[in-house]
N, C-alpha and C. Protein backbone atom coordinates (compact mmCIF):
# COMPACT_ATOMS: atom_id res chain seq x y z
N MET A 1 19.40 283.54 5.05
CA MET A 1 18.45 283.26 3.99
C MET A 1 18.90 282.04 3.21
N VAL A 2 17.96 281.16 2.92
CA VAL A 2 18.26 279.96 2.15
C VAL A 2 17.53 280.03 0.83
N ASN A 3 18.25 279.81 -0.27
CA ASN A 3 17.62 279.73 -1.59
C ASN A 3 17.38 278.27 -1.91
N HIS A 4 16.19 277.96 -2.42
CA HIS A 4 15.83 276.60 -2.78
C HIS A 4 15.51 276.52 -4.26
N SER A 5 15.96 275.48 -4.91
CA SER A 5 15.56 275.18 -6.28
C SER A 5 15.01 273.76 -6.26
N VAL A 6 13.70 273.64 -6.26
CA VAL A 6 13.06 272.33 -6.10
C VAL A 6 12.88 271.68 -7.45
N PHE A 7 13.19 270.40 -7.51
CA PHE A 7 13.04 269.61 -8.73
C PHE A 7 11.99 268.56 -8.50
N PRO A 8 10.73 268.82 -8.88
CA PRO A 8 9.71 267.80 -8.67
C PRO A 8 10.02 266.56 -9.50
N SER A 9 9.73 265.43 -8.95
CA SER A 9 9.94 264.20 -9.71
C SER A 9 8.58 263.65 -10.12
N VAL A 10 8.62 262.68 -11.02
CA VAL A 10 7.37 262.04 -11.41
C VAL A 10 6.86 261.25 -10.22
N SER A 11 5.66 260.71 -10.33
CA SER A 11 5.02 260.06 -9.19
C SER A 11 5.88 258.93 -8.64
N ASN A 12 5.69 258.65 -7.37
CA ASN A 12 6.47 257.61 -6.73
C ASN A 12 6.19 256.23 -7.30
N LYS A 13 5.07 256.06 -8.02
CA LYS A 13 4.83 254.76 -8.66
C LYS A 13 5.86 254.52 -9.74
N GLU A 14 6.33 255.60 -10.39
CA GLU A 14 7.31 255.47 -11.45
C GLU A 14 8.74 255.63 -10.95
N ASN A 15 8.95 256.50 -9.98
CA ASN A 15 10.28 256.78 -9.46
C ASN A 15 10.27 256.70 -7.94
N PRO A 16 10.39 255.54 -7.39
CA PRO A 16 10.22 255.39 -5.94
C PRO A 16 11.40 255.88 -5.11
N PHE A 17 11.08 256.39 -3.97
CA PHE A 17 12.01 256.59 -2.86
C PHE A 17 11.50 255.63 -1.81
N ARG A 18 12.25 254.60 -1.54
CA ARG A 18 11.78 253.57 -0.61
C ARG A 18 12.88 253.24 0.37
N TRP A 19 12.47 252.77 1.52
CA TRP A 19 13.43 252.34 2.51
C TRP A 19 12.92 251.10 3.22
N TYR A 20 13.85 250.41 3.86
CA TYR A 20 13.57 249.20 4.62
C TYR A 20 14.07 249.42 6.04
N LEU A 21 13.27 249.05 7.00
CA LEU A 21 13.68 249.07 8.40
C LEU A 21 13.90 247.63 8.80
N GLY A 22 15.15 247.25 8.94
CA GLY A 22 15.47 245.85 9.21
C GLY A 22 15.15 245.02 7.99
N SER A 23 14.54 243.86 8.22
CA SER A 23 14.23 242.95 7.11
C SER A 23 12.76 243.01 6.71
N GLY A 24 12.07 244.07 7.12
CA GLY A 24 10.64 244.18 6.82
C GLY A 24 10.34 244.55 5.38
N GLN A 25 9.08 244.81 5.13
CA GLN A 25 8.61 245.19 3.81
C GLN A 25 9.10 246.60 3.45
N PRO A 26 9.25 246.90 2.15
CA PRO A 26 9.67 248.25 1.78
C PRO A 26 8.60 249.28 2.15
N ILE A 27 9.06 250.45 2.54
CA ILE A 27 8.18 251.58 2.82
C ILE A 27 8.36 252.56 1.67
N LEU A 28 7.26 252.87 0.98
CA LEU A 28 7.31 253.75 -0.18
C LEU A 28 6.87 255.15 0.25
N ALA A 29 7.69 256.15 -0.05
CA ALA A 29 7.37 257.53 0.33
C ALA A 29 6.09 257.99 -0.35
N SER A 30 5.29 258.76 0.38
CA SER A 30 4.09 259.34 -0.23
C SER A 30 4.42 260.66 -0.92
N ARG A 31 5.49 261.32 -0.48
CA ARG A 31 5.98 262.53 -1.13
C ARG A 31 7.50 262.50 -1.11
N ALA A 32 8.12 262.95 -2.21
CA ALA A 32 9.58 262.97 -2.27
C ALA A 32 10.02 264.02 -3.29
N PHE A 33 11.19 264.59 -3.06
CA PHE A 33 11.76 265.55 -3.99
C PHE A 33 13.25 265.67 -3.74
N PHE A 34 13.95 266.30 -4.68
CA PHE A 34 15.32 266.71 -4.41
C PHE A 34 15.47 268.15 -4.86
N GLU A 35 16.44 268.84 -4.24
CA GLU A 35 16.63 270.24 -4.55
C GLU A 35 18.06 270.66 -4.26
N GLU A 36 18.44 271.77 -4.86
CA GLU A 36 19.68 272.44 -4.54
C GLU A 36 19.35 273.49 -3.49
N GLN A 37 20.14 273.52 -2.41
CA GLN A 37 19.92 274.51 -1.35
C GLN A 37 21.19 275.33 -1.15
N ARG A 38 20.99 276.66 -1.05
CA ARG A 38 22.11 277.56 -0.77
C ARG A 38 21.77 278.43 0.43
N SER A 39 22.76 278.59 1.29
CA SER A 39 22.65 279.53 2.39
C SER A 39 24.02 280.18 2.52
N PRO A 40 24.15 281.18 3.38
CA PRO A 40 25.47 281.78 3.55
C PRO A 40 26.53 280.79 4.05
N LEU A 41 26.11 279.73 4.71
CA LEU A 41 27.06 278.78 5.29
C LEU A 41 27.24 277.49 4.48
N ARG A 42 26.23 277.13 3.69
CA ARG A 42 26.28 275.83 2.99
C ARG A 42 25.72 275.93 1.58
N HIS A 43 26.12 274.99 0.75
CA HIS A 43 25.57 274.80 -0.59
C HIS A 43 25.47 273.30 -0.78
N ASP A 44 24.25 272.78 -0.85
CA ASP A 44 24.02 271.33 -0.82
C ASP A 44 23.03 270.87 -1.88
N TRP A 45 23.09 269.57 -2.15
CA TRP A 45 21.98 268.84 -2.76
C TRP A 45 21.22 268.24 -1.59
N PHE A 46 19.89 268.27 -1.67
CA PHE A 46 19.04 267.77 -0.58
C PHE A 46 18.02 266.81 -1.17
N PHE A 47 17.95 265.60 -0.64
CA PHE A 47 16.98 264.57 -1.04
C PHE A 47 16.05 264.35 0.14
N PHE A 48 14.74 264.34 -0.11
CA PHE A 48 13.78 264.26 0.98
C PHE A 48 12.64 263.32 0.63
N ALA A 49 12.17 262.58 1.63
CA ALA A 49 11.01 261.70 1.45
C ALA A 49 10.26 261.61 2.76
N THR A 50 8.93 261.44 2.65
CA THR A 50 8.11 261.34 3.85
C THR A 50 6.90 260.46 3.61
N THR A 51 6.38 259.93 4.70
CA THR A 51 5.06 259.30 4.72
C THR A 51 4.25 260.07 5.75
N GLY A 52 2.95 259.90 5.70
CA GLY A 52 2.09 260.57 6.66
C GLY A 52 1.78 262.00 6.27
N THR A 53 0.97 262.65 7.12
CA THR A 53 0.58 264.03 6.89
C THR A 53 0.55 264.78 8.22
N PRO A 54 0.77 266.09 8.18
CA PRO A 54 0.64 266.87 9.42
C PRO A 54 -0.77 266.78 10.01
N ALA A 55 -1.78 266.76 9.14
CA ALA A 55 -3.17 266.70 9.62
C ALA A 55 -3.44 265.44 10.43
N GLU A 56 -2.81 264.33 10.02
CA GLU A 56 -2.99 263.06 10.74
C GLU A 56 -1.93 262.85 11.82
N ASN A 57 -0.98 263.80 11.93
CA ASN A 57 0.06 263.77 12.94
C ASN A 57 0.83 262.44 12.92
N ASN A 58 1.17 261.99 11.70
CA ASN A 58 1.88 260.72 11.55
C ASN A 58 3.05 260.81 10.57
N ILE A 59 3.77 261.92 10.59
CA ILE A 59 4.92 262.13 9.70
C ILE A 59 6.06 261.19 10.09
N PHE A 60 6.70 260.62 9.07
CA PHE A 60 7.90 259.80 9.22
C PHE A 60 8.75 260.14 8.01
N SER A 61 9.89 260.82 8.21
CA SER A 61 10.62 261.35 7.06
C SER A 61 12.12 261.15 7.17
N PHE A 62 12.77 261.30 6.01
CA PHE A 62 14.23 261.26 5.91
C PHE A 62 14.70 262.40 5.03
N GLY A 63 15.78 263.03 5.43
CA GLY A 63 16.43 264.06 4.64
C GLY A 63 17.90 263.73 4.51
N ILE A 64 18.42 263.84 3.29
CA ILE A 64 19.82 263.52 3.03
C ILE A 64 20.45 264.73 2.36
N PHE A 65 21.52 265.26 2.96
CA PHE A 65 22.26 266.40 2.42
C PHE A 65 23.65 265.94 1.99
N ILE A 66 24.09 266.39 0.80
CA ILE A 66 25.47 266.19 0.37
C ILE A 66 26.00 267.52 -0.17
N PRO A 67 27.30 267.76 -0.08
CA PRO A 67 27.84 269.01 -0.59
C PRO A 67 27.58 269.15 -2.09
N TYR A 68 27.20 270.35 -2.50
CA TYR A 68 26.97 270.65 -3.92
C TYR A 68 28.30 270.62 -4.65
N GLU A 69 28.31 269.98 -5.81
CA GLU A 69 29.47 270.01 -6.70
C GLU A 69 28.97 270.45 -8.06
N ASP A 70 29.63 271.42 -8.65
CA ASP A 70 29.21 272.01 -9.93
C ASP A 70 29.76 271.19 -11.10
N VAL A 71 29.18 270.00 -11.27
CA VAL A 71 29.56 269.10 -12.37
C VAL A 71 28.28 268.58 -13.01
N ASP A 72 28.37 268.22 -14.29
CA ASP A 72 27.20 267.68 -14.98
C ASP A 72 26.86 266.27 -14.52
N LEU A 73 27.90 265.48 -14.19
CA LEU A 73 27.68 264.11 -13.74
C LEU A 73 28.42 263.91 -12.43
N LEU A 74 27.66 263.67 -11.39
CA LEU A 74 28.22 263.43 -10.06
C LEU A 74 27.99 261.96 -9.71
N GLU A 75 29.07 261.21 -9.57
CA GLU A 75 29.01 259.81 -9.15
C GLU A 75 29.96 259.67 -7.97
N LYS A 76 29.39 259.46 -6.78
CA LYS A 76 30.24 259.48 -5.61
C LYS A 76 29.55 258.76 -4.45
N THR A 77 30.36 258.26 -3.54
CA THR A 77 29.86 257.69 -2.30
C THR A 77 30.23 258.64 -1.17
N TYR A 78 29.22 259.00 -0.38
CA TYR A 78 29.41 259.91 0.74
C TYR A 78 29.20 259.17 2.05
N THR A 79 29.95 259.59 3.05
CA THR A 79 29.79 259.11 4.42
C THR A 79 29.73 260.33 5.33
N LEU A 80 29.56 260.10 6.61
CA LEU A 80 29.56 261.20 7.56
C LEU A 80 30.90 261.93 7.56
N ALA A 81 31.97 261.22 7.19
CA ALA A 81 33.31 261.81 7.20
C ALA A 81 33.57 262.74 6.02
N ASN A 82 32.83 262.58 4.91
CA ASN A 82 33.11 263.44 3.74
C ASN A 82 31.91 264.30 3.31
N GLY A 83 31.07 264.67 4.27
CA GLY A 83 30.06 265.67 3.98
C GLY A 83 28.61 265.25 4.02
N LEU A 84 28.32 263.97 4.19
CA LEU A 84 26.94 263.50 4.25
C LEU A 84 26.29 263.89 5.58
N SER A 85 25.09 264.41 5.50
CA SER A 85 24.24 264.61 6.68
C SER A 85 22.95 263.85 6.43
N PHE A 86 22.53 263.07 7.39
CA PHE A 86 21.38 262.19 7.26
C PHE A 86 20.46 262.44 8.45
N ILE A 87 19.22 262.87 8.18
CA ILE A 87 18.30 263.28 9.23
C ILE A 87 17.00 262.48 9.13
N HIS A 88 16.48 262.09 10.29
CA HIS A 88 15.17 261.44 10.37
C HIS A 88 14.26 262.31 11.23
N GLY A 89 13.01 262.43 10.80
CA GLY A 89 12.04 263.16 11.60
C GLY A 89 10.76 262.36 11.76
N HIS A 90 10.07 262.58 12.88
CA HIS A 90 8.77 261.95 13.09
C HIS A 90 7.88 262.87 13.92
N SER A 91 6.58 262.68 13.74
CA SER A 91 5.60 263.46 14.51
C SER A 91 5.71 263.11 15.98
N LYS A 92 5.34 264.08 16.79
CA LYS A 92 5.27 263.86 18.23
C LYS A 92 3.79 263.72 18.58
N PRO A 93 3.30 262.50 18.78
CA PRO A 93 1.87 262.30 19.03
C PRO A 93 1.31 263.12 20.19
N GLU A 94 2.14 263.34 21.20
CA GLU A 94 1.65 264.09 22.36
C GLU A 94 1.50 265.59 22.10
N TRP A 95 2.14 266.09 21.03
CA TRP A 95 2.05 267.52 20.67
C TRP A 95 1.61 267.62 19.23
N TYR A 96 0.35 267.86 19.01
CA TYR A 96 -0.19 267.89 17.66
C TYR A 96 0.58 268.88 16.78
N GLY A 97 1.04 268.40 15.63
CA GLY A 97 1.73 269.24 14.66
C GLY A 97 3.21 269.39 14.90
N ALA A 98 3.72 268.97 16.03
CA ALA A 98 5.15 269.09 16.32
C ALA A 98 5.91 267.88 15.80
N GLN A 99 7.18 268.09 15.48
CA GLN A 99 8.03 267.00 15.01
C GLN A 99 9.37 267.05 15.72
N ASP A 100 9.97 265.88 15.88
CA ASP A 100 11.34 265.76 16.36
C ASP A 100 12.21 265.35 15.19
N SER A 101 13.45 265.83 15.19
CA SER A 101 14.41 265.46 14.16
C SER A 101 15.66 264.92 14.83
N PHE A 102 16.27 263.92 14.18
CA PHE A 102 17.44 263.26 14.71
C PHE A 102 18.47 263.07 13.61
N LEU A 103 19.71 263.35 13.93
CA LEU A 103 20.82 263.27 12.99
C LEU A 103 21.57 261.96 13.18
N ALA A 104 21.92 261.30 12.06
CA ALA A 104 22.79 260.13 12.15
C ALA A 104 24.14 260.61 12.65
N GLU A 105 24.62 260.01 13.71
CA GLU A 105 25.88 260.45 14.30
C GLU A 105 27.00 259.42 14.18
N LYS A 106 26.65 258.15 14.01
CA LYS A 106 27.67 257.11 13.98
C LYS A 106 27.87 256.50 12.61
N LYS A 107 26.77 256.25 11.87
CA LYS A 107 26.91 255.54 10.60
C LYS A 107 25.86 256.01 9.61
N ALA A 108 26.31 256.36 8.40
CA ALA A 108 25.42 256.67 7.28
C ALA A 108 26.26 256.68 6.01
N GLU A 109 25.66 256.24 4.92
CA GLU A 109 26.36 256.20 3.64
C GLU A 109 25.36 256.40 2.51
N LEU A 110 25.76 257.14 1.49
CA LEU A 110 24.96 257.35 0.29
C LEU A 110 25.86 257.20 -0.92
N SER A 111 25.46 256.34 -1.84
CA SER A 111 26.09 256.27 -3.17
C SER A 111 25.10 256.88 -4.14
N VAL A 112 25.54 257.92 -4.86
CA VAL A 112 24.62 258.68 -5.70
C VAL A 112 25.20 258.87 -7.10
N ARG A 113 24.29 258.93 -8.06
CA ARG A 113 24.62 259.29 -9.45
C ARG A 113 23.61 260.36 -9.85
N LEU A 114 24.08 261.61 -9.89
CA LEU A 114 23.24 262.74 -10.22
C LEU A 114 23.69 263.28 -11.58
N ASP A 115 22.81 263.20 -12.56
CA ASP A 115 23.12 263.62 -13.92
C ASP A 115 22.30 264.86 -14.26
N ARG A 116 22.96 266.02 -14.29
CA ARG A 116 22.24 267.27 -14.55
C ARG A 116 21.75 267.35 -15.99
N ILE A 117 22.43 266.72 -16.93
CA ILE A 117 22.01 266.78 -18.33
C ILE A 117 20.75 265.95 -18.55
N LYS A 118 20.71 264.75 -18.00
CA LYS A 118 19.52 263.89 -18.11
C LYS A 118 18.42 264.28 -17.12
N GLY A 119 18.80 265.00 -16.08
CA GLY A 119 17.82 265.37 -15.05
C GLY A 119 17.44 264.22 -14.16
N THR A 120 18.41 263.39 -13.79
CA THR A 120 18.12 262.23 -12.94
C THR A 120 19.04 262.22 -11.72
N ALA A 121 18.55 261.60 -10.68
CA ALA A 121 19.34 261.36 -9.47
C ALA A 121 18.94 260.00 -8.93
N VAL A 122 19.92 259.09 -8.86
CA VAL A 122 19.69 257.73 -8.40
C VAL A 122 20.64 257.47 -7.24
N GLY A 123 20.12 256.87 -6.17
CA GLY A 123 20.98 256.63 -5.03
C GLY A 123 20.60 255.42 -4.21
N ASP A 124 21.57 254.91 -3.49
CA ASP A 124 21.40 253.85 -2.49
C ASP A 124 21.95 254.39 -1.18
N PHE A 125 21.23 254.16 -0.08
CA PHE A 125 21.68 254.70 1.20
C PHE A 125 21.46 253.69 2.31
N ASN A 126 22.19 253.89 3.39
CA ASN A 126 21.98 253.12 4.61
C ASN A 126 22.44 253.97 5.78
N GLY A 127 21.92 253.67 6.94
CA GLY A 127 22.31 254.44 8.10
C GLY A 127 21.72 253.90 9.38
N GLU A 128 22.23 254.45 10.47
CA GLU A 128 21.72 254.13 11.80
C GLU A 128 21.45 255.45 12.50
N ILE A 129 20.24 255.58 13.03
CA ILE A 129 19.84 256.80 13.73
C ILE A 129 19.20 256.41 15.05
N THR A 130 19.64 257.06 16.12
CA THR A 130 19.07 256.84 17.44
C THR A 130 18.14 258.00 17.76
N THR A 131 16.90 257.69 18.08
CA THR A 131 15.93 258.71 18.47
C THR A 131 15.71 258.63 19.98
N ASP A 132 14.77 259.42 20.47
CA ASP A 132 14.44 259.34 21.89
C ASP A 132 13.63 258.10 22.22
N CYS A 133 13.11 257.41 21.19
CA CYS A 133 12.24 256.25 21.41
C CYS A 133 12.77 254.95 20.83
N TYR A 134 13.60 255.01 19.81
CA TYR A 134 13.99 253.79 19.12
C TYR A 134 15.30 253.97 18.36
N GLN A 135 15.85 252.83 17.93
CA GLN A 135 17.07 252.78 17.12
C GLN A 135 16.66 252.36 15.71
N LEU A 136 16.98 253.19 14.71
CA LEU A 136 16.68 252.85 13.31
C LEU A 136 17.92 252.31 12.61
N LYS A 137 17.75 251.19 11.95
CA LYS A 137 18.78 250.66 11.05
C LYS A 137 18.06 250.50 9.72
N LEU A 138 18.45 251.32 8.75
CA LEU A 138 17.70 251.32 7.50
C LEU A 138 18.60 251.26 6.29
N THR A 139 18.00 250.78 5.21
CA THR A 139 18.61 250.83 3.88
C THR A 139 17.53 251.36 2.96
N GLY A 140 17.93 251.89 1.81
CA GLY A 140 16.93 252.40 0.89
C GLY A 140 17.51 252.84 -0.44
N THR A 141 16.60 253.22 -1.33
CA THR A 141 16.97 253.68 -2.67
C THR A 141 16.07 254.84 -3.07
N PHE A 142 16.56 255.64 -4.02
CA PHE A 142 15.71 256.62 -4.67
C PHE A 142 16.09 256.71 -6.13
N ASP A 143 15.13 257.15 -6.94
CA ASP A 143 15.31 257.29 -8.37
C ASP A 143 14.44 258.44 -8.85
N PHE A 144 15.02 259.64 -8.86
CA PHE A 144 14.29 260.84 -9.25
C PHE A 144 14.51 261.15 -10.73
N SER A 145 13.47 261.69 -11.36
CA SER A 145 13.55 262.17 -12.73
C SER A 145 12.83 263.50 -12.79
N LEU A 146 13.48 264.53 -13.33
CA LEU A 146 12.87 265.85 -13.39
C LEU A 146 11.68 265.85 -14.33
N THR A 147 10.64 266.57 -13.93
CA THR A 147 9.45 266.67 -14.77
C THR A 147 9.14 268.09 -15.19
N SER A 148 9.75 269.07 -14.53
CA SER A 148 9.48 270.46 -14.90
C SER A 148 10.68 271.31 -14.57
N GLY A 149 10.67 272.52 -15.08
CA GLY A 149 11.75 273.45 -14.81
C GLY A 149 11.52 274.72 -15.57
N PRO A 150 12.43 275.67 -15.44
CA PRO A 150 12.28 276.94 -16.14
C PRO A 150 12.19 276.74 -17.65
N ARG A 151 11.46 277.60 -18.31
CA ARG A 151 11.31 277.54 -19.76
C ARG A 151 11.84 278.83 -20.38
N SER A 152 12.43 278.71 -21.54
CA SER A 152 12.87 279.89 -22.28
C SER A 152 11.68 280.48 -23.01
N GLU A 153 11.91 281.59 -23.72
CA GLU A 153 10.83 282.22 -24.47
C GLU A 153 10.25 281.26 -25.50
N SER A 154 11.08 280.38 -26.04
CA SER A 154 10.57 279.42 -27.03
C SER A 154 9.80 278.29 -26.36
N GLY A 155 9.86 278.23 -25.00
CA GLY A 155 9.15 277.17 -24.29
C GLY A 155 9.98 275.91 -24.11
N LYS A 156 11.23 275.93 -24.57
CA LYS A 156 12.07 274.75 -24.47
C LYS A 156 13.35 275.08 -23.72
N THR A 157 13.68 274.24 -22.76
CA THR A 157 14.91 274.38 -22.01
C THR A 157 15.46 272.98 -21.78
N SER A 158 16.72 272.77 -22.13
CA SER A 158 17.32 271.46 -21.90
C SER A 158 17.56 271.27 -20.41
N ARG A 159 17.75 270.02 -20.00
CA ARG A 159 18.03 269.74 -18.59
C ARG A 159 19.31 270.47 -18.16
N LYS A 160 20.34 270.46 -19.01
CA LYS A 160 21.58 271.14 -18.67
C LYS A 160 21.33 272.63 -18.49
N GLU A 161 20.57 273.26 -19.38
CA GLU A 161 20.27 274.69 -19.25
C GLU A 161 19.48 274.95 -17.97
N HIS A 162 18.58 274.03 -17.64
CA HIS A 162 17.79 274.16 -16.41
C HIS A 162 18.71 274.24 -15.20
N PHE A 163 19.65 273.29 -15.10
CA PHE A 163 20.57 273.29 -13.97
C PHE A 163 21.47 274.51 -13.98
N GLU A 164 21.91 274.94 -15.17
CA GLU A 164 22.75 276.15 -15.24
C GLU A 164 21.96 277.37 -14.78
N GLN A 165 20.68 277.45 -15.13
CA GLN A 165 19.87 278.59 -14.71
C GLN A 165 19.69 278.61 -13.20
N ILE A 166 19.37 277.49 -12.61
CA ILE A 166 19.13 277.50 -11.17
C ILE A 166 20.43 277.65 -10.40
N SER A 167 21.57 277.23 -10.96
CA SER A 167 22.82 277.38 -10.23
C SER A 167 23.26 278.83 -10.18
N LYS A 168 22.69 279.70 -11.01
CA LYS A 168 23.01 281.13 -10.99
C LYS A 168 22.10 281.91 -10.07
N MET A 169 21.07 281.26 -9.50
CA MET A 169 20.10 281.96 -8.64
C MET A 169 20.73 282.39 -7.34
């Protein structure tokens, strides 16, 4: 069983998750979020972004996992050697609704600043992923800001209290 605590961010116009494939134009995610994930085997922060929709069978997504650390301010650079997992997924046009996922195996890096008190997560990433069809070399950034969370009886909960509440789930 996996427990998820999703932190919706404000619209991508205000807080973009974007990436570049080679020297091309930036690709802006149509949907993005970050969350804390717990399972019997892992406890992670997860950052996710996608373009496309299942209905149009044109999904193109990235997922970034880093080990959860119980600190108010996390500033760190992760690589494949110290806990970073970097995944790319895309729709399979020949099978409506199906997707393939591919893990970065040789190179990936994320520099992140996650502030639980302010409710922000800012990061820069790069990586190389080989799929069954192509080789991706990408760079990108994200800038999440929390917009909602649990409320106390008074209707007010600080960002720090929000993170403390979800970390006890």
